[in-house]
Every structure is written in C-alpha cells, then in structure tokens.
Amino acid sequence: MGSFSIWHWLIVLIVVLLIFGTKKLRNVGQDMGAAVKGFKDGMKDDANAAKTADTQQIGGQTIEGEVKDKSQTRA
C-alpha cells in the first residue's frame, strides 16, 4: 500500500500519452519552461532594482518633505 512500483508509473505514463498525445504534452512543457524562465528573470530584475535604489541614496540620508499642489499655493 506504500509507493507504486515502476510498472504502475509506466502504465500511468502510457495512459497520459494516449489521452493527451505527445504534441500537446510538449507544448505544455514548453509553456511551463517559459513561465519558469520569466519568473527567474523577474526575480533578477527585482534584485537589480533594489541594488540600484540603494546605491542612489546620497550619503545614506533621508530627506523628508511635503508635496503641495501648485494650484493651491497661487491664490
């Protein structure tokens, strides 16, 4: 009742191939690979953006200020 033997997995693989076909399974594999690659590229871009944001600070100081609408200051 534990894990399946190699023969069980081969039968499952054959049934899946008969149901979906090799072309559809290949397309699904390519789509999954592209999604993983896009995710990794996005994570690299996030890491690079965080590094550049840290290096753009001037002397490590935080400058506080208030933004006002120009139309309210000219009355």
N, C-alpha and C. Protein backbone atom coordinates (compact mmCIF):
# COMPACT_ATOMS: atom_id res chain seq x y z
N MET A 1 0.81 -1.20 0.00
CA MET A 1 0.00 0.00 0.00
C MET A 1 0.86 1.26 0.00
N GLY A 2 2.16 1.10 -0.01
CA GLY A 2 3.06 2.25 0.01
C GLY A 2 3.19 2.89 -1.35
N SER A 3 4.41 3.02 -1.82
CA SER A 3 4.64 3.67 -3.11
C SER A 3 4.34 2.70 -4.26
N PHE A 4 4.14 3.27 -5.41
CA PHE A 4 3.86 2.47 -6.60
C PHE A 4 5.16 1.92 -7.17
N SER A 5 5.08 0.81 -7.85
CA SER A 5 6.26 0.24 -8.49
C SER A 5 6.47 0.92 -9.84
N ILE A 6 7.57 0.61 -10.48
CA ILE A 6 7.90 1.19 -11.78
C ILE A 6 6.85 0.83 -12.82
N TRP A 7 6.26 -0.33 -12.72
CA TRP A 7 5.25 -0.76 -13.70
C TRP A 7 3.99 0.08 -13.59
N HIS A 8 3.61 0.45 -12.38
CA HIS A 8 2.45 1.32 -12.22
C HIS A 8 2.69 2.68 -12.89
N TRP A 9 3.89 3.23 -12.69
CA TRP A 9 4.21 4.53 -13.28
C TRP A 9 4.28 4.45 -14.80
N LEU A 10 4.78 3.36 -15.35
CA LEU A 10 4.82 3.20 -16.81
C LEU A 10 3.41 3.12 -17.40
N ILE A 11 2.53 2.42 -16.72
CA ILE A 11 1.14 2.33 -17.19
C ILE A 11 0.48 3.71 -17.15
N VAL A 12 0.71 4.46 -16.09
CA VAL A 12 0.15 5.82 -15.98
C VAL A 12 0.70 6.70 -17.10
N LEU A 13 2.00 6.59 -17.38
CA LEU A 13 2.60 7.37 -18.45
C LEU A 13 1.99 7.03 -19.80
N ILE A 14 1.79 5.77 -20.07
CA ILE A 14 1.19 5.35 -21.35
C ILE A 14 -0.23 5.87 -21.48
N VAL A 15 -1.00 5.80 -20.40
CA VAL A 15 -2.38 6.30 -20.44
C VAL A 15 -2.39 7.81 -20.68
N VAL A 16 -1.51 8.55 -20.02
CA VAL A 16 -1.45 10.00 -20.22
C VAL A 16 -1.06 10.32 -21.67
N LEU A 17 -0.10 9.59 -22.22
CA LEU A 17 0.29 9.82 -23.61
C LEU A 17 -0.85 9.52 -24.57
N LEU A 18 -1.62 8.48 -24.28
CA LEU A 18 -2.76 8.15 -25.15
C LEU A 18 -3.85 9.21 -25.06
N ILE A 19 -4.06 9.75 -23.89
CA ILE A 19 -5.13 10.74 -23.72
C ILE A 19 -4.74 12.09 -24.33
N PHE A 20 -3.57 12.59 -23.99
CA PHE A 20 -3.19 13.94 -24.41
C PHE A 20 -2.38 13.98 -25.69
N GLY A 21 -1.61 12.98 -25.98
CA GLY A 21 -0.76 12.99 -27.16
C GLY A 21 0.56 13.70 -26.88
N THR A 22 1.56 13.37 -27.65
CA THR A 22 2.89 13.92 -27.40
C THR A 22 2.99 15.39 -27.76
N LYS A 23 2.28 15.83 -28.78
CA LYS A 23 2.37 17.23 -29.20
C LYS A 23 1.82 18.16 -28.12
N LYS A 24 0.70 17.81 -27.54
CA LYS A 24 0.11 18.65 -26.50
C LYS A 24 0.98 18.66 -25.25
N LEU A 25 1.52 17.50 -24.90
CA LEU A 25 2.40 17.45 -23.73
C LEU A 25 3.68 18.25 -23.95
N ARG A 26 4.21 18.23 -25.17
CA ARG A 26 5.40 19.02 -25.48
C ARG A 26 5.09 20.51 -25.35
N ASN A 27 3.93 20.93 -25.84
CA ASN A 27 3.54 22.34 -25.74
C ASN A 27 3.38 22.76 -24.29
N VAL A 28 2.80 21.89 -23.48
CA VAL A 28 2.63 22.20 -22.05
C VAL A 28 4.01 22.34 -21.40
N GLY A 29 4.93 21.45 -21.75
CA GLY A 29 6.29 21.53 -21.21
C GLY A 29 6.99 22.81 -21.60
N GLN A 30 6.84 23.22 -22.85
CA GLN A 30 7.46 24.47 -23.30
C GLN A 30 6.86 25.67 -22.59
N ASP A 31 5.54 25.67 -22.41
CA ASP A 31 4.88 26.77 -21.71
C ASP A 31 5.34 26.86 -20.26
N MET A 32 5.47 25.70 -19.62
CA MET A 32 5.93 25.69 -18.23
C MET A 32 7.38 26.19 -18.14
N GLY A 33 8.22 25.77 -19.08
CA GLY A 33 9.61 26.24 -19.10
C GLY A 33 9.71 27.74 -19.30
N ALA A 34 8.89 28.28 -20.19
CA ALA A 34 8.89 29.72 -20.43
C ALA A 34 8.41 30.47 -19.20
N ALA A 35 7.42 29.93 -18.51
CA ALA A 35 6.92 30.57 -17.31
C ALA A 35 7.98 30.60 -16.21
N VAL A 36 8.69 29.50 -16.04
CA VAL A 36 9.75 29.44 -15.02
C VAL A 36 10.87 30.41 -15.38
N LYS A 37 11.24 30.47 -16.65
CA LYS A 37 12.29 31.39 -17.09
C LYS A 37 11.87 32.84 -16.86
N GLY A 38 10.62 33.16 -17.18
CA GLY A 38 10.12 34.52 -16.94
C GLY A 38 10.11 34.87 -15.46
N PHE A 39 9.76 33.90 -14.63
CA PHE A 39 9.77 34.14 -13.18
C PHE A 39 11.18 34.41 -12.69
N LYS A 40 12.15 33.62 -13.16
CA LYS A 40 13.54 33.83 -12.74
C LYS A 40 14.06 35.19 -13.21
N ASP A 41 13.72 35.56 -14.45
CA ASP A 41 14.15 36.87 -14.96
C ASP A 41 13.53 38.00 -14.15
N GLY A 42 12.27 37.84 -13.76
CA GLY A 42 11.60 38.85 -12.94
C GLY A 42 12.25 38.98 -11.57
N MET A 43 12.66 37.86 -11.00
CA MET A 43 13.33 37.90 -9.70
C MET A 43 14.69 38.59 -9.80
N LYS A 44 15.41 38.36 -10.91
CA LYS A 44 16.70 39.02 -11.12
C LYS A 44 16.49 40.53 -11.28
N ASP A 45 15.45 40.92 -12.04
CA ASP A 45 15.18 42.34 -12.25
C ASP A 45 14.83 43.02 -10.93
N ASP A 46 14.07 42.35 -10.08
CA ASP A 46 13.73 42.91 -8.77
C ASP A 46 14.97 43.10 -7.92
N ALA A 47 15.86 42.11 -7.94
CA ALA A 47 17.09 42.20 -7.15
C ALA A 47 17.97 43.34 -7.67
N ASN A 48 18.06 43.49 -9.00
CA ASN A 48 18.86 44.56 -9.58
C ASN A 48 18.26 45.93 -9.27
N ALA A 49 16.95 46.05 -9.30
CA ALA A 49 16.29 47.32 -9.00
C ALA A 49 16.52 47.70 -7.54
N ALA A 50 16.50 46.72 -6.65
CA ALA A 50 16.74 47.01 -5.23
C ALA A 50 18.18 47.47 -5.02
N LYS A 51 19.13 46.88 -5.73
CA LYS A 51 20.53 47.27 -5.59
C LYS A 51 20.74 48.68 -6.10
N THR A 52 20.14 49.03 -7.25
CA THR A 52 20.34 50.37 -7.80
C THR A 52 19.64 51.41 -6.94
N ALA A 53 18.53 51.08 -6.33
CA ALA A 53 17.85 52.02 -5.45
C ALA A 53 18.70 52.30 -4.22
N ASP A 54 19.39 51.31 -3.71
CA ASP A 54 20.24 51.50 -2.55
C ASP A 54 21.45 52.35 -2.89
N THR A 55 21.98 52.23 -4.08
CA THR A 55 23.18 52.98 -4.44
C THR A 55 22.87 54.42 -4.82
N GLN A 56 21.62 54.77 -5.05
CA GLN A 56 21.27 56.12 -5.45
C GLN A 56 21.04 57.05 -4.26
N GLN A 57 21.13 56.53 -3.07
CA GLN A 57 20.99 57.40 -1.91
C GLN A 57 22.23 58.27 -1.79
N ILE A 58 22.03 59.49 -1.37
CA ILE A 58 23.15 60.43 -1.25
C ILE A 58 23.59 60.45 0.20
N GLY A 59 24.71 59.87 0.47
CA GLY A 59 25.26 59.88 1.81
C GLY A 59 24.44 59.09 2.82
N GLY A 60 23.51 58.29 2.38
CA GLY A 60 22.71 57.49 3.29
C GLY A 60 21.70 58.31 4.09
N GLN A 61 21.42 59.53 3.66
CA GLN A 61 20.49 60.39 4.39
C GLN A 61 19.11 60.33 3.78
N THR A 62 18.12 60.45 4.62
CA THR A 62 16.74 60.51 4.16
C THR A 62 16.29 61.95 4.19
N ILE A 63 15.79 62.43 3.10
CA ILE A 63 15.30 63.80 3.01
C ILE A 63 13.78 63.76 3.05
N GLU A 64 13.23 64.46 4.03
CA GLU A 64 11.78 64.49 4.17
C GLU A 64 11.25 65.79 3.60
N GLY A 65 10.06 65.72 3.07
CA GLY A 65 9.44 66.91 2.53
C GLY A 65 7.95 66.71 2.34
N GLU A 66 7.29 67.75 1.91
CA GLU A 66 5.86 67.69 1.69
C GLU A 66 5.57 68.19 0.28
N VAL A 67 4.73 67.47 -0.42
CA VAL A 67 4.36 67.85 -1.77
C VAL A 67 3.05 68.63 -1.71
N LYS A 68 3.06 69.78 -2.33
CA LYS A 68 1.86 70.61 -2.36
C LYS A 68 1.45 70.82 -3.80
N ASP A 69 0.15 70.97 -4.00
CA ASP A 69 -0.37 71.23 -5.33
C ASP A 69 -0.12 72.68 -5.69
N LYS A 70 0.40 72.97 -6.88
CA LYS A 70 0.73 74.33 -7.30
C LYS A 70 -0.51 75.21 -7.37
N SER A 71 -1.64 74.62 -7.72
CA SER A 71 -2.84 75.44 -7.87
C SER A 71 -3.33 75.97 -6.52
N GLN A 72 -2.99 75.31 -5.43
CA GLN A 72 -3.43 75.77 -4.10
C GLN A 72 -2.52 76.84 -3.57
N THR A 73 -1.26 76.90 -3.97
CA THR A 73 -0.34 77.89 -3.44
C THR A 73 -0.50 79.25 -4.12
N ARG A 74 -1.05 79.30 -5.30
CA ARG A 74 -1.24 80.57 -6.02
C ARG A 74 -2.71 80.97 -5.93
N ALA A 75 -3.03 81.64 -4.89
CA ALA A 75 -4.43 82.02 -4.70
C ALA A 75 -4.75 83.39 -5.20
